[in-house]
PDB file of N, CA and C in Angstrom:
ATOM      1  N   MET A   1    -227.505  39.211 -29.955  1.00  0.00           N
ATOM      2  CA  MET A   1    -226.857  38.651 -31.017  1.00  0.00           C
ATOM      3  C   MET A   1    -226.653  36.990 -31.086  1.00  0.00           C
ATOM      4  N   ILE A   2    -227.160  36.068 -32.226  1.00  0.00           N
ATOM      5  CA  ILE A   2    -226.706  34.994 -31.755  1.00  0.00           C
ATOM      6  C   ILE A   2    -225.349  34.413 -32.868  1.00  0.00           C
ATOM      7  N   LYS A   3    -224.880  33.679 -32.057  1.00  0.00           N
ATOM      8  CA  LYS A   3    -223.347  33.234 -32.309  1.00  0.00           C
ATOM      9  C   LYS A   3    -223.480  32.289 -33.360  1.00  0.00           C
ATOM     10  N   LYS A   4    -222.739  32.279 -34.410  1.00  0.00           N
ATOM     11  CA  LYS A   4    -222.924  30.793 -35.628  1.00  0.00           C
ATOM     12  C   LYS A   4    -221.975  30.030 -35.236  1.00  0.00           C
ATOM     13  N   GLU A   5    -222.628  28.857 -35.342  1.00  0.00           N
ATOM     14  CA  GLU A   5    -221.452  27.576 -34.890  1.00  0.00           C
ATOM     15  C   GLU A   5    -220.450  27.479 -35.925  1.00  0.00           C
ATOM     16  N   THR A   6    -219.292  27.186 -35.504  1.00  0.00           N
ATOM     17  CA  THR A   6    -218.163  26.748 -36.461  1.00  0.00           C
ATOM     18  C   THR A   6    -218.173  25.585 -36.755  1.00  0.00           C
ATOM     19  N   SER A   7    -217.496  25.563 -38.004  1.00  0.00           N
ATOM     20  CA  SER A   7    -217.416  24.053 -38.763  1.00  0.00           C
ATOM     21  C   SER A   7    -216.793  23.256 -37.671  1.00  0.00           C
ATOM     22  N   ASN A   8    -215.950  23.417 -36.836  1.00  0.00           N
ATOM     23  CA  ASN A   8    -214.896  22.728 -36.000  1.00  0.00           C
ATOM     24  C   ASN A   8    -216.010  22.168 -34.809  1.00  0.00           C
ATOM     25  N   VAL A   9    -216.817  23.183 -34.519  1.00  0.00           N
ATOM     26  CA  VAL A   9    -217.338  22.932 -33.112  1.00  0.00           C
ATOM     27  C   VAL A   9    -218.738  21.678 -33.868  1.00  0.00           C
ATOM     28  N   SER A  10    -219.393  22.103 -34.916  1.00  0.00           N
ATOM     29  CA  SER A  10    -220.178  21.162 -35.471  1.00  0.00           C
ATOM     30  C   SER A  10    -219.704  19.572 -35.794  1.00  0.00           C
ATOM     31  N   ARG A  11    -218.213  19.753 -36.128  1.00  0.00           N
ATOM     32  CA  ARG A  11    -217.599  18.219 -36.078  1.00  0.00           C
ATOM     33  C   ARG A  11    -217.520  17.616 -34.619  1.00  0.00           C
ATOM     34  N   LYS A  12    -217.161  18.200 -33.560  1.00  0.00           N
ATOM     35  CA  LYS A  12    -217.137  17.907 -32.616  1.00  0.00           C
ATOM     36  C   LYS A  12    -218.623  17.095 -32.126  1.00  0.00           C
ATOM     37  N   ARG A  13    -219.247  17.912 -32.150  1.00  0.00           N
ATOM     38  CA  ARG A  13    -220.560  17.193 -32.168  1.00  0.00           C
ATOM     39  C   ARG A  13    -220.956  16.433 -32.397  1.00  0.00           C
ATOM     40  N   ARG A  14    -220.699  16.238 -34.041  1.00  0.00           N
ATOM     41  CA  ARG A  14    -221.107  15.038 -34.816  1.00  0.00           C
ATOM     42  C   ARG A  14    -219.833  13.774 -34.262  1.00  0.00           C
ATOM     43  N   HIS A  15    -218.804  14.198 -33.789  1.00  0.00           N
ATOM     44  CA  HIS A  15    -218.018  13.187 -33.254  1.00  0.00           C
ATOM     45  C   HIS A  15    -218.469  12.711 -32.161  1.00  0.00           C
ATOM     46  N   GLU A  16    -218.950  13.333 -31.173  1.00  0.00           N
ATOM     47  CA  GLU A  16    -219.532  13.044 -29.942  1.00  0.00           C
ATOM     48  C   GLU A  16    -220.798  12.076 -30.284  1.00  0.00           C
ATOM     49  N   ARG A  17    -221.748  12.383 -31.301  1.00  0.00           N
ATOM     50  CA  ARG A  17    -222.621  11.361 -31.562  1.00  0.00           C
ATOM     51  C   ARG A  17    -222.224   9.795 -32.151  1.00  0.00           C
ATOM     52  N   ILE A  18    -221.119  10.068 -32.863  1.00  0.00           N
ATOM     53  CA  ILE A  18    -220.577   9.114 -33.452  1.00  0.00           C
ATOM     54  C   ILE A  18    -220.143   8.169 -32.202  1.00  0.00           C
ATOM     55  N   ARG A  19    -219.475   8.630 -31.292  1.00  0.00           N
ATOM     56  CA  ARG A  19    -218.503   8.113 -30.498  1.00  0.00           C
ATOM     57  C   ARG A  19    -219.507   7.104 -29.212  1.00  0.00           C
ATOM     58  N   LYS A  20    -220.745   7.654 -29.409  1.00  0.00           N
ATOM     59  CA  LYS A  20    -221.843   6.895 -28.287  1.00  0.00           C
ATOM     60  C   LYS A  20    -222.265   5.414 -28.643  1.00  0.00           C
ATOM     61  N   THR A  21    -221.881   5.102 -29.896  1.00  0.00           N
ATOM     62  CA  THR A  21    -221.831   3.900 -30.368  1.00  0.00           C
ATOM     63  C   THR A  21    -220.633   3.111 -30.650  1.00  0.00           C
ATOM     64  N   ILE A  22    -219.465   3.884 -31.086  1.00  0.00           N
ATOM     65  CA  ILE A  22    -218.275   3.470 -31.329  1.00  0.00           C
ATOM     66  C   ILE A  22    -217.442   3.005 -30.038  1.00  0.00           C
ATOM     67  N   LYS A  23    -217.047   1.904 -29.833  1.00  0.00           N
ATOM     68  CA  LYS A  23    -215.845   1.660 -28.844  1.00  0.00           C
ATOM     69  C   LYS A  23    -214.823   0.892 -29.161  1.00  0.00           C
ATOM     70  N   GLY A  24    -213.896   1.038 -28.594  1.00  0.00           N
ATOM     71  CA  GLY A  24    -212.656   0.160 -29.011  1.00  0.00           C
ATOM     72  C   GLY A  24    -212.155  -0.753 -28.042  1.00  0.00           C
ATOM     73  N   THR A  25    -212.183  -2.137 -28.475  1.00  0.00           N
ATOM     74  CA  THR A  25    -211.981  -3.183 -27.088  1.00  0.00           C
ATOM     75  C   THR A  25    -210.321  -3.482 -27.510  1.00  0.00           C
ATOM     76  N   GLN A  26    -209.780  -4.418 -26.544  1.00  0.00           N
ATOM     77  CA  GLN A  26    -208.669  -4.846 -26.883  1.00  0.00           C
ATOM     78  C   GLN A  26    -208.505  -5.814 -27.887  1.00  0.00           C
ATOM     79  N   SER A  27    -209.674  -6.516 -28.142  1.00  0.00           N
ATOM     80  CA  SER A  27    -209.565  -7.448 -29.527  1.00  0.00           C
ATOM     81  C   SER A  27    -209.756  -6.708 -30.552  1.00  0.00           C
ATOM     82  N   ILE A  28    -211.040  -5.494 -30.384  1.00  0.00           N
ATOM     83  CA  ILE A  28    -211.130  -4.858 -32.078  1.00  0.00           C
ATOM     84  C   ILE A  28    -210.835  -3.417 -31.144  1.00  0.00           C
ATOM     85  N   PRO A  29    -209.765  -2.847 -31.358  1.00  0.00           N
ATOM     86  CA  PRO A  29    -209.647  -1.231 -31.204  1.00  0.00           C
ATOM     87  C   PRO A  29    -210.259  -0.201 -32.104  1.00  0.00           C
ATOM     88  N   ARG A  30    -210.117   0.792 -32.115  1.00  0.00           N
ATOM     89  CA  ARG A  30    -210.898   1.832 -32.838  1.00  0.00           C
ATOM     90  C   ARG A  30    -209.884   2.448 -33.516  1.00  0.00           C
ATOM     91  N   LEU A  31    -209.831   2.483 -34.973  1.00  0.00           N
ATOM     92  CA  LEU A  31    -209.012   3.259 -35.715  1.00  0.00           C
ATOM     93  C   LEU A  31    -209.542   4.812 -35.917  1.00  0.00           C
ATOM     94  N   ASN A  32    -209.030   5.633 -35.250  1.00  0.00           N
ATOM     95  CA  ASN A  32    -209.314   7.152 -35.413  1.00  0.00           C
ATOM     96  C   ASN A  32    -208.855   8.078 -36.284  1.00  0.00           C
ATOM     97  N   VAL A  33    -209.394   8.925 -36.943  1.00  0.00           N
ATOM     98  CA  VAL A  33    -208.750   9.844 -37.828  1.00  0.00           C
ATOM     99  C   VAL A  33    -209.098  11.295 -37.596  1.00  0.00           C
ATOM    100  N   PHE A  34    -207.911  12.026 -37.478  1.00  0.00           N
ATOM    101  CA  PHE A  34    -207.991  13.667 -37.412  1.00  0.00           C
ATOM    102  C   PHE A  34    -207.177  14.121 -38.574  1.00  0.00           C
ATOM    103  N   ARG A  35    -208.092  15.100 -39.088  1.00  0.00           N
ATOM    104  CA  ARG A  35    -207.465  16.008 -40.096  1.00  0.00           C
ATOM    105  C   ARG A  35    -207.508  17.284 -39.795  1.00  0.00           C
ATOM    106  N   SER A  36    -206.273  17.794 -40.257  1.00  0.00           N
ATOM    107  CA  SER A  36    -205.896  19.252 -40.169  1.00  0.00           C
ATOM    108  C   SER A  36    -205.716  19.980 -41.608  1.00  0.00           C
ATOM    109  N   ASN A  37    -205.625  21.073 -42.037  1.00  0.00           N
ATOM    110  CA  ASN A  37    -205.500  21.459 -43.163  1.00  0.00           C
ATOM    111  C   ASN A  37    -204.136  21.011 -43.801  1.00  0.00           C
ATOM    112  N   SER A  38    -203.225  21.022 -43.098  1.00  0.00           N
ATOM    113  CA  SER A  38    -201.990  20.539 -43.760  1.00  0.00           C
ATOM    114  C   SER A  38    -201.258  19.035 -43.180  1.00  0.00           C
ATOM    115  N   ASN A  39    -202.155  18.401 -42.399  1.00  0.00           N
ATOM    116  CA  ASN A  39    -201.618  17.009 -41.992  1.00  0.00           C
ATOM    117  C   ASN A  39    -202.754  16.221 -41.753  1.00  0.00           C
ATOM    118  N   ILE A  40    -202.342  14.713 -41.646  1.00  0.00           N
ATOM    119  CA  ILE A  40    -203.636  14.061 -41.379  1.00  0.00           C
ATOM    120  C   ILE A  40    -203.112  12.966 -40.308  1.00  0.00           C
ATOM    121  N   PHE A  41    -203.714  12.539 -39.226  1.00  0.00           N
ATOM    122  CA  PHE A  41    -203.277  11.572 -38.066  1.00  0.00           C
ATOM    123  C   PHE A  41    -204.143  10.380 -37.952  1.00  0.00           C
ATOM    124  N   ALA A  42    -203.754   9.316 -37.642  1.00  0.00           N
ATOM    125  CA  ALA A  42    -204.378   8.298 -37.217  1.00  0.00           C
ATOM    126  C   ALA A  42    -203.867   7.445 -36.175  1.00  0.00           C
ATOM    127  N   GLN A  43    -204.799   6.871 -35.320  1.00  0.00           N
ATOM    128  CA  GLN A  43    -204.454   6.143 -33.729  1.00  0.00           C
ATOM    129  C   GLN A  43    -205.178   5.282 -33.844  1.00  0.00           C
ATOM    130  N   VAL A  44    -204.629   3.988 -33.357  1.00  0.00           N
ATOM    131  CA  VAL A  44    -205.459   2.791 -32.902  1.00  0.00           C
ATOM    132  C   VAL A  44    -205.715   2.762 -31.718  1.00  0.00           C
ATOM    133  N   ILE A  45    -206.953   2.831 -31.140  1.00  0.00           N
ATOM    134  CA  ILE A  45    -206.960   2.999 -29.735  1.00  0.00           C
ATOM    135  C   ILE A  45    -208.027   1.956 -28.922  1.00  0.00           C
ATOM    136  N   ASP A  46    -207.252   1.537 -27.607  1.00  0.00           N
ATOM    137  CA  ASP A  46    -208.040   0.594 -26.751  1.00  0.00           C
ATOM    138  C   ASP A  46    -208.657   1.583 -25.807  1.00  0.00           C
ATOM    139  N   ASP A  47    -210.048   1.563 -26.252  1.00  0.00           N
ATOM    140  CA  ASP A  47    -210.763   2.607 -25.289  1.00  0.00           C
ATOM    141  C   ASP A  47    -211.145   1.901 -23.999  1.00  0.00           C
ATOM    142  N   GLU A  48    -211.175   0.748 -23.541  1.00  0.00           N
ATOM    143  CA  GLU A  48    -211.362  -0.190 -22.370  1.00  0.00           C
ATOM    144  C   GLU A  48    -210.053   0.553 -21.227  1.00  0.00           C
ATOM    145  N   LYS A  49    -208.683   0.468 -21.710  1.00  0.00           N
ATOM    146  CA  LYS A  49    -207.597   0.725 -21.164  1.00  0.00           C
ATOM    147  C   LYS A  49    -207.290   2.405 -21.208  1.00  0.00           C
ATOM    148  N   GLY A  50    -207.729   3.063 -22.161  1.00  0.00           N
ATOM    149  CA  GLY A  50    -207.810   4.157 -22.603  1.00  0.00           C
ATOM    150  C   GLY A  50    -205.947   4.339 -22.902  1.00  0.00           C
ATOM    151  N   ILE A  51    -205.782   3.387 -23.688  1.00  0.00           N
ATOM    152  CA  ILE A  51    -204.382   3.728 -24.193  1.00  0.00           C
ATOM    153  C   ILE A  51    -204.232   3.494 -25.978  1.00  0.00           C
ATOM    154  N   THR A  52    -202.974   4.456 -26.313  1.00  0.00           N
ATOM    155  CA  THR A  52    -202.989   4.544 -28.186  1.00  0.00           C
ATOM    156  C   THR A  52    -202.209   3.018 -28.316  1.00  0.00           C
ATOM    157  N   LEU A  53    -202.598   2.210 -29.001  1.00  0.00           N
ATOM    158  CA  LEU A  53    -201.424   1.124 -29.424  1.00  0.00           C
ATOM    159  C   LEU A  53    -200.780   1.732 -30.301  1.00  0.00           C
ATOM    160  N   VAL A  54    -201.089   2.062 -31.713  1.00  0.00           N
ATOM    161  CA  VAL A  54    -200.521   2.426 -32.534  1.00  0.00           C
ATOM    162  C   VAL A  54    -200.758   3.658 -32.986  1.00  0.00           C
ATOM    163  N   SER A  55    -199.958   4.505 -33.518  1.00  0.00           N
ATOM    164  CA  SER A  55    -200.164   5.686 -34.230  1.00  0.00           C
ATOM    165  C   SER A  55    -199.179   5.989 -35.373  1.00  0.00           C
ATOM    166  N   SER A  56    -199.746   7.042 -36.621  1.00  0.00           N
ATOM    167  CA  SER A  56    -199.005   7.469 -37.440  1.00  0.00           C
ATOM    168  C   SER A  56    -199.631   8.631 -38.088  1.00  0.00           C
ATOM    169  N   SER A  57    -198.881   9.370 -38.515  1.00  0.00           N
ATOM    170  CA  SER A  57    -199.147  10.919 -39.129  1.00  0.00           C
ATOM    171  C   SER A  57    -198.491  10.991 -40.392  1.00  0.00           C
ATOM    172  N   SER A  58    -198.634  12.499 -41.126  1.00  0.00           N
ATOM    173  CA  SER A  58    -198.090  12.918 -42.029  1.00  0.00           C
ATOM    174  C   SER A  58    -196.812  13.471 -41.391  1.00  0.00           C
ATOM    175  N   LEU A  59    -196.879  13.945 -40.018  1.00  0.00           N
ATOM    176  CA  LEU A  59    -195.790  14.718 -39.454  1.00  0.00           C
ATOM    177  C   LEU A  59    -194.668  13.537 -39.130  1.00  0.00           C
ATOM    178  N   SER A  60    -195.259  12.622 -38.716  1.00  0.00           N
ATOM    179  CA  SER A  60    -194.034  11.542 -38.023  1.00  0.00           C
ATOM    180  C   SER A  60    -193.503  10.833 -39.222  1.00  0.00           C
ATOM    181  N   LEU A  61    -193.980  10.724 -40.633  1.00  0.00           N
ATOM    182  CA  LEU A  61    -193.523  10.152 -41.910  1.00  0.00           C
ATOM    183  C   LEU A  61    -192.915  11.278 -42.350  1.00  0.00           C
ATOM    184  N   LYS A  62    -192.624  12.508 -41.978  1.00  0.00           N
ATOM    185  CA  LYS A  62    -192.082  13.537 -42.483  1.00  0.00           C
ATOM    186  C   LYS A  62    -192.620  13.961 -44.035  1.00  0.00           C
ATOM    187  N   LEU A  63    -193.657  14.041 -44.388  1.00  0.00           N
ATOM    188  CA  LEU A  63    -194.199  14.046 -45.837  1.00  0.00           C
ATOM    189  C   LEU A  63    -194.154  15.492 -46.168  1.00  0.00           C
ATOM    190  N   LYS A  64    -193.401  15.937 -47.348  1.00  0.00           N
ATOM    191  CA  LYS A  64    -193.649  17.444 -47.610  1.00  0.00           C
ATOM    192  C   LYS A  64    -195.067  18.046 -47.684  1.00  0.00           C
ATOM    193  N   ASN A  65    -196.109  17.069 -48.096  1.00  0.00           N
ATOM    194  CA  ASN A  65    -197.349  17.802 -48.370  1.00  0.00           C
ATOM    195  C   ASN A  65    -198.413  16.653 -47.604  1.00  0.00           C
ATOM    196  N   GLY A  66    -198.790  16.836 -46.384  1.00  0.00           N
ATOM    197  CA  GLY A  66    -199.371  15.770 -45.611  1.00  0.00           C
ATOM    198  C   GLY A  66    -200.778  15.878 -45.906  1.00  0.00           C
ATOM    199  N   GLY A  67    -201.176  17.268 -46.299  1.00  0.00           N
ATOM    200  CA  GLY A  67    -202.608  17.336 -46.285  1.00  0.00           C
ATOM    201  C   GLY A  67    -203.347  16.956 -47.629  1.00  0.00           C
ATOM    202  N   ASN A  68    -202.946  16.556 -48.381  1.00  0.00           N
ATOM    203  CA  ASN A  68    -203.499  15.983 -49.530  1.00  0.00           C
ATOM    204  C   ASN A  68    -203.867  14.618 -49.734  1.00  0.00           C
ATOM    205  N   THR A  69    -204.642  13.771 -50.589  1.00  0.00           N
ATOM    206  CA  THR A  69    -204.791  12.540 -50.383  1.00  0.00           C
ATOM    207  C   THR A  69    -203.698  11.458 -50.783  1.00  0.00           C
ATOM    208  N   GLU A  70    -202.615  11.938 -51.441  1.00  0.00           N
ATOM    209  CA  GLU A  70    -201.410  11.000 -51.454  1.00  0.00           C
ATOM    210  C   GLU A  70    -201.032  10.884 -50.161  1.00  0.00           C
ATOM    211  N   GLY A  71    -200.958  11.757 -49.013  1.00  0.00           N
ATOM    212  CA  GLY A  71    -200.418  11.918 -47.606  1.00  0.00           C
ATOM    213  C   GLY A  71    -201.386  10.945 -46.878  1.00  0.00           C
ATOM    214  N   ALA A  72    -202.631  10.821 -47.064  1.00  0.00           N
ATOM    215  CA  ALA A  72    -203.301  10.117 -46.488  1.00  0.00           C
ATOM    216  C   ALA A  72    -203.290   8.456 -47.009  1.00  0.00           C
ATOM    217  N   ILE A  73    -202.901   8.458 -47.936  1.00  0.00           N
ATOM    218  CA  ILE A  73    -202.845   6.943 -48.643  1.00  0.00           C
ATOM    219  C   ILE A  73    -201.562   6.558 -47.764  1.00  0.00           C
ATOM    220  N   LEU A  74    -200.346   7.391 -47.685  1.00  0.00           N
ATOM    221  CA  LEU A  74    -199.237   6.796 -47.130  1.00  0.00           C
ATOM    222  C   LEU A  74    -199.291   6.428 -45.534  1.00  0.00           C
ATOM    223  N   VAL A  75    -200.300   7.363 -45.095  1.00  0.00           N
ATOM    224  CA  VAL A  75    -200.251   7.222 -43.945  1.00  0.00           C
ATOM    225  C   VAL A  75    -201.577   5.987 -43.387  1.00  0.00           C
ATOM    226  N   GLY A  76    -202.375   5.498 -44.226  1.00  0.00           N
ATOM    227  CA  GLY A  76    -202.977   4.301 -44.097  1.00  0.00           C
ATOM    228  C   GLY A  76    -202.244   3.124 -44.418  1.00  0.00           C
ATOM    229  N   LYS A  77    -200.999   3.141 -45.138  1.00  0.00           N
ATOM    230  CA  LYS A  77    -200.397   1.960 -45.353  1.00  0.00           C
ATOM    231  C   LYS A  77    -199.673   1.966 -43.967  1.00  0.00           C
ATOM    232  N   ASP A  78    -199.135   3.126 -43.721  1.00  0.00           N
ATOM    233  CA  ASP A  78    -197.976   3.019 -42.401  1.00  0.00           C
ATOM    234  C   ASP A  78    -198.862   2.423 -41.172  1.00  0.00           C
ATOM    235  N   ILE A  79    -200.054   2.666 -41.212  1.00  0.00           N
ATOM    236  CA  ILE A  79    -200.727   2.329 -39.897  1.00  0.00           C
ATOM    237  C   ILE A  79    -201.181   1.025 -39.968  1.00  0.00           C
ATOM    238  N   ALA A  80    -201.661   0.530 -41.238  1.00  0.00           N
ATOM    239  CA  ALA A  80    -201.858  -0.733 -41.459  1.00  0.00           C
ATOM    240  C   ALA A  80    -200.555  -1.820 -41.009  1.00  0.00           C
ATOM    241  N   GLU A  81    -199.342  -1.494 -41.467  1.00  0.00           N
ATOM    242  CA  GLU A  81    -198.608  -2.148 -41.426  1.00  0.00           C
ATOM    243  C   GLU A  81    -197.961  -1.956 -39.903  1.00  0.00           C
ATOM    244  N   LYS A  82    -198.160  -1.188 -39.057  1.00  0.00           N
ATOM    245  CA  LYS A  82    -197.730  -0.964 -37.683  1.00  0.00           C
ATOM    246  C   LYS A  82    -198.760  -1.703 -36.950  1.00  0.00           C
ATOM    247  N   CYS A  83    -200.087  -1.975 -37.447  1.00  0.00           N
ATOM    248  CA  CYS A  83    -201.139  -3.079 -36.753  1.00  0.00           C
ATOM    249  C   CYS A  83    -200.491  -4.210 -37.358  1.00  0.00           C
ATOM    250  N   LYS A  84    -200.188  -4.776 -38.164  1.00  0.00           N
ATOM    251  CA  LYS A  84    -199.732  -5.827 -38.629  1.00  0.00           C
ATOM    252  C   LYS A  84    -198.364  -6.573 -37.620  1.00  0.00           C
ATOM    253  N   ALA A  85    -197.719  -5.568 -37.256  1.00  0.00           N
ATOM    254  CA  ALA A  85    -196.603  -5.782 -36.505  1.00  0.00           C
ATOM    255  C   ALA A  85    -196.849  -5.835 -34.870  1.00  0.00           C
ATOM    256  N   LYS A  86    -198.271  -5.387 -34.773  1.00  0.00           N
ATOM    257  CA  LYS A  86    -198.550  -5.760 -33.273  1.00  0.00           C
ATOM    258  C   LYS A  86    -199.558  -6.913 -33.323  1.00  0.00           C
ATOM    259  N   LYS A  87    -199.848  -7.788 -34.368  1.00  0.00           N
ATOM    260  CA  LYS A  87    -200.865  -8.638 -34.522  1.00  0.00           C
ATOM    261  C   LYS A  87    -202.395  -8.065 -34.451  1.00  0.00           C
ATOM    262  N   ILE A  88    -202.731  -6.804 -34.987  1.00  0.00           N
ATOM    263  CA  ILE A  88    -203.774  -6.275 -34.822  1.00  0.00           C
ATOM    264  C   ILE A  88    -204.357  -6.366 -36.396  1.00  0.00           C
ATOM    265  N   LYS A  89    -205.603  -7.254 -36.545  1.00  0.00           N
ATOM    266  CA  LYS A  89    -206.093  -7.424 -37.676  1.00  0.00           C
ATOM    267  C   LYS A  89    -207.462  -6.607 -38.020  1.00  0.00           C
ATOM    268  N   LYS A  90    -208.430  -6.648 -36.895  1.00  0.00           N
ATOM    269  CA  LYS A  90    -209.753  -6.173 -37.137  1.00  0.00           C
ATOM    270  C   LYS A  90    -209.511  -4.692 -35.813  1.00  0.00           C
ATOM    271  N   VAL A  91    -210.305  -3.710 -36.832  1.00  0.00           N
ATOM    272  CA  VAL A  91    -210.415  -2.654 -35.908  1.00  0.00           C
ATOM    273  C   VAL A  91    -212.061  -1.845 -36.466  1.00  0.00           C
ATOM    274  N   THR A  92    -212.381  -0.922 -35.632  1.00  0.00           N
ATOM    275  CA  THR A  92    -213.707  -0.414 -35.908  1.00  0.00           C
ATOM    276  C   THR A  92    -212.998   1.101 -36.512  1.00  0.00           C
ATOM    277  N   PHE A  93    -213.671   1.854 -37.396  1.00  0.00           N
ATOM    278  CA  PHE A  93    -213.311   2.646 -38.124  1.00  0.00           C
ATOM    279  C   PHE A  93    -214.093   4.026 -37.532  1.00  0.00           C
ATOM    280  N   ASP A  94    -213.418   4.859 -36.903  1.00  0.00           N
ATOM    281  CA  ASP A  94    -214.123   6.353 -36.342  1.00  0.00           C
ATOM    282  C   ASP A  94    -213.704   7.226 -37.375  1.00  0.00           C
ATOM    283  N   ARG A  95    -214.376   7.998 -37.953  1.00  0.00           N
ATOM    284  CA  ARG A  95    -214.090   9.132 -39.108  1.00  0.00           C
ATOM    285  C   ARG A  95    -213.916  10.615 -37.973  1.00  0.00           C
ATOM    286  N   GLY A  96    -214.303  10.267 -36.998  1.00  0.00           N
ATOM    287  CA  GLY A  96    -214.271  11.697 -36.514  1.00  0.00           C
ATOM    288  C   GLY A  96    -214.882  12.818 -36.566  1.00  0.00           C
ATOM    289  N   GLY A  97    -216.027  12.609 -37.006  1.00  0.00           N
ATOM    290  CA  GLY A  97    -216.816  13.448 -37.387  1.00  0.00           C
ATOM    291  C   GLY A  97    -216.749  14.178 -38.828  1.00  0.00           C
ATOM    292  N   TYR A  98    -215.777  13.319 -39.596  1.00  0.00           N
ATOM    293  CA  TYR A  98    -215.543  14.085 -40.936  1.00  0.00           C
ATOM    294  C   TYR A  98    -216.344  13.546 -41.622  1.00  0.00           C
ATOM    295  N   LEU A  99    -216.599  13.962 -43.343  1.00  0.00           N
ATOM    296  CA  LEU A  99    -217.591  12.966 -43.917  1.00  0.00           C
ATOM    297  C   LEU A  99    -216.526  11.715 -44.534  1.00  0.00           C
ATOM    298  N   TYR A 100    -216.949  10.744 -44.873  1.00  0.00           N
ATOM    299  CA  TYR A 100    -216.172   9.779 -45.209  1.00  0.00           C
ATOM    300  C   TYR A 100    -215.961   9.966 -46.741  1.00  0.00           C
ATOM    301  N   HIS A 101    -214.727  11.209 -47.425  1.00  0.00           N
ATOM    302  CA  HIS A 101    -214.812  11.572 -48.534  1.00  0.00           C
ATOM    303  C   HIS A 101    -213.301  12.010 -48.593  1.00  0.00           C
ATOM    304  N   GLY A 102    -212.537  11.838 -49.790  1.00  0.00           N
ATOM    305  CA  GLY A 102    -211.281  12.779 -49.889  1.00  0.00           C
ATOM    306  C   GLY A 102    -210.390  12.116 -48.936  1.00  0.00           C
ATOM    307  N   ARG A 103    -209.661  12.577 -48.398  1.00  0.00           N
ATOM    308  CA  ARG A 103    -208.714  12.189 -47.592  1.00  0.00           C
ATOM    309  C   ARG A 103    -209.044  11.257 -46.519  1.00  0.00           C
ATOM    310  N   VAL A 104    -209.916  11.211 -45.676  1.00  0.00           N
ATOM    311  CA  VAL A 104    -210.131  10.196 -44.923  1.00  0.00           C
ATOM    312  C   VAL A 104    -210.628   9.050 -45.421  1.00  0.00           C
ATOM    313  N   LYS A 105    -211.487   9.272 -46.564  1.00  0.00           N
ATOM    314  CA  LYS A 105    -211.864   7.679 -47.617  1.00  0.00           C
ATOM    315  C   LYS A 105    -210.496   7.029 -47.932  1.00  0.00           C
ATOM    316  N   ALA A 106    -209.469   8.069 -48.300  1.00  0.00           N
ATOM    317  CA  ALA A 106    -208.327   7.605 -49.149  1.00  0.00           C
ATOM    318  C   ALA A 106    -207.656   6.736 -47.921  1.00  0.00           C
ATOM    319  N   LEU A 107    -207.494   7.160 -46.778  1.00  0.00           N
ATOM    320  CA  LEU A 107    -206.782   6.768 -45.576  1.00  0.00           C
ATOM    321  C   LEU A 107    -207.312   5.215 -45.358  1.00  0.00           C
ATOM    322  N   ALA A 108    -208.760   5.484 -45.128  1.00  0.00           N
ATOM    323  CA  ALA A 108    -209.358   4.307 -44.798  1.00  0.00           C
ATOM    324  C   ALA A 108    -209.306   3.197 -45.951  1.00  0.00           C
ATOM    325  N   GLU A 109    -209.395   3.617 -47.160  1.00  0.00           N
ATOM    326  CA  GLU A 109    -208.990   2.356 -48.249  1.00  0.00           C
ATOM    327  C   GLU A 109    -207.735   1.977 -48.432  1.00  0.00           C
ATOM    328  N   ALA A 110    -206.898   2.745 -47.921  1.00  0.00           N
ATOM    329  CA  ALA A 110    -205.275   2.268 -47.993  1.00  0.00           C
ATOM    330  C   ALA A 110    -205.022   1.449 -46.860  1.00  0.00           C
ATOM    331  N   ALA A 111    -205.615   1.695 -45.686  1.00  0.00           N
ATOM    332  CA  ALA A 111    -205.312   0.543 -44.373  1.00  0.00           C
ATOM    333  C   ALA A 111    -205.942  -0.800 -44.938  1.00  0.00           C
ATOM    334  N   ARG A 112    -207.282  -0.617 -45.678  1.00  0.00           N
ATOM    335  CA  ARG A 112    -207.830  -1.764 -45.806  1.00  0.00           C
ATOM    336  C   ARG A 112    -207.173  -2.868 -46.952  1.00  0.00           C
ATOM    337  N   GLU A 113    -206.447  -1.872 -47.924  1.00  0.00           N
ATOM    338  CA  GLU A 113    -205.699  -2.688 -49.370  1.00  0.00           C
ATOM    339  C   GLU A 113    -204.304  -3.378 -47.992  1.00  0.00           C
ATOM    340  N   ASN A 114    -203.976  -2.725 -47.327  1.00  0.00           N
ATOM    341  CA  ASN A 114    -202.734  -3.233 -46.466  1.00  0.00           C
ATOM    342  C   ASN A 114    -203.009  -3.749 -45.452  1.00  0.00           C
ATOM    343  N   GLY A 115    -204.235  -4.717 -45.303  1.00  0.00           N
ATOM    344  CA  GLY A 115    -204.530  -5.744 -44.358  1.00  0.00           C
ATOM    345  C   GLY A 115    -205.307  -5.458 -43.071  1.00  0.00           C
ATOM    346  N   LEU A 116    -205.680  -4.355 -42.990  1.00  0.00           N
ATOM    347  CA  LEU A 116    -206.629  -4.169 -41.777  1.00  0.00           C
ATOM    348  C   LEU A 116    -208.262  -4.337 -42.258  1.00  0.00           C
ATOM    349  N   ASP A 117    -208.779  -5.174 -41.431  1.00  0.00           N
ATOM    350  CA  ASP A 117    -210.363  -5.618 -41.780  1.00  0.00           C
ATOM    351  C   ASP A 117    -211.110  -4.634 -40.821  1.00  0.00           C
ATOM    352  N   PHE A 118    -211.855  -3.980 -41.640  1.00  0.00           N
ATOM    353  CA  PHE A 118    -213.013  -3.165 -40.815  1.00  0.00           C
ATOM    354  C   PHE A 118    -213.920  -2.498 -41.969  1.00  0.00           C
TER     355      PHE A 118
END
């Protein structure tokens, strides 16, 4: 019997392919996005040191419904403000294997509107 690949396994394979080309440095860290059914998470990562510089999520913001585009917009604004406070202006965007659509796109556009450059 042939096992069918789940959508999350497919996403992880896409993410590995993306990560071959995207690297976060100290000067230009990587903005990573992870979304679950009920929440969305964003991290700004320095891959050279292997540390998370800034993070935000719909859980940390205590949003009632973090699984929609309004929650993603609020997380995008929050991550951009935290990056400003740490004097991070430019990042590379890592969509995490997800399509650049819906919540992922909303988070990215909100971060751009609030001062992040990518």
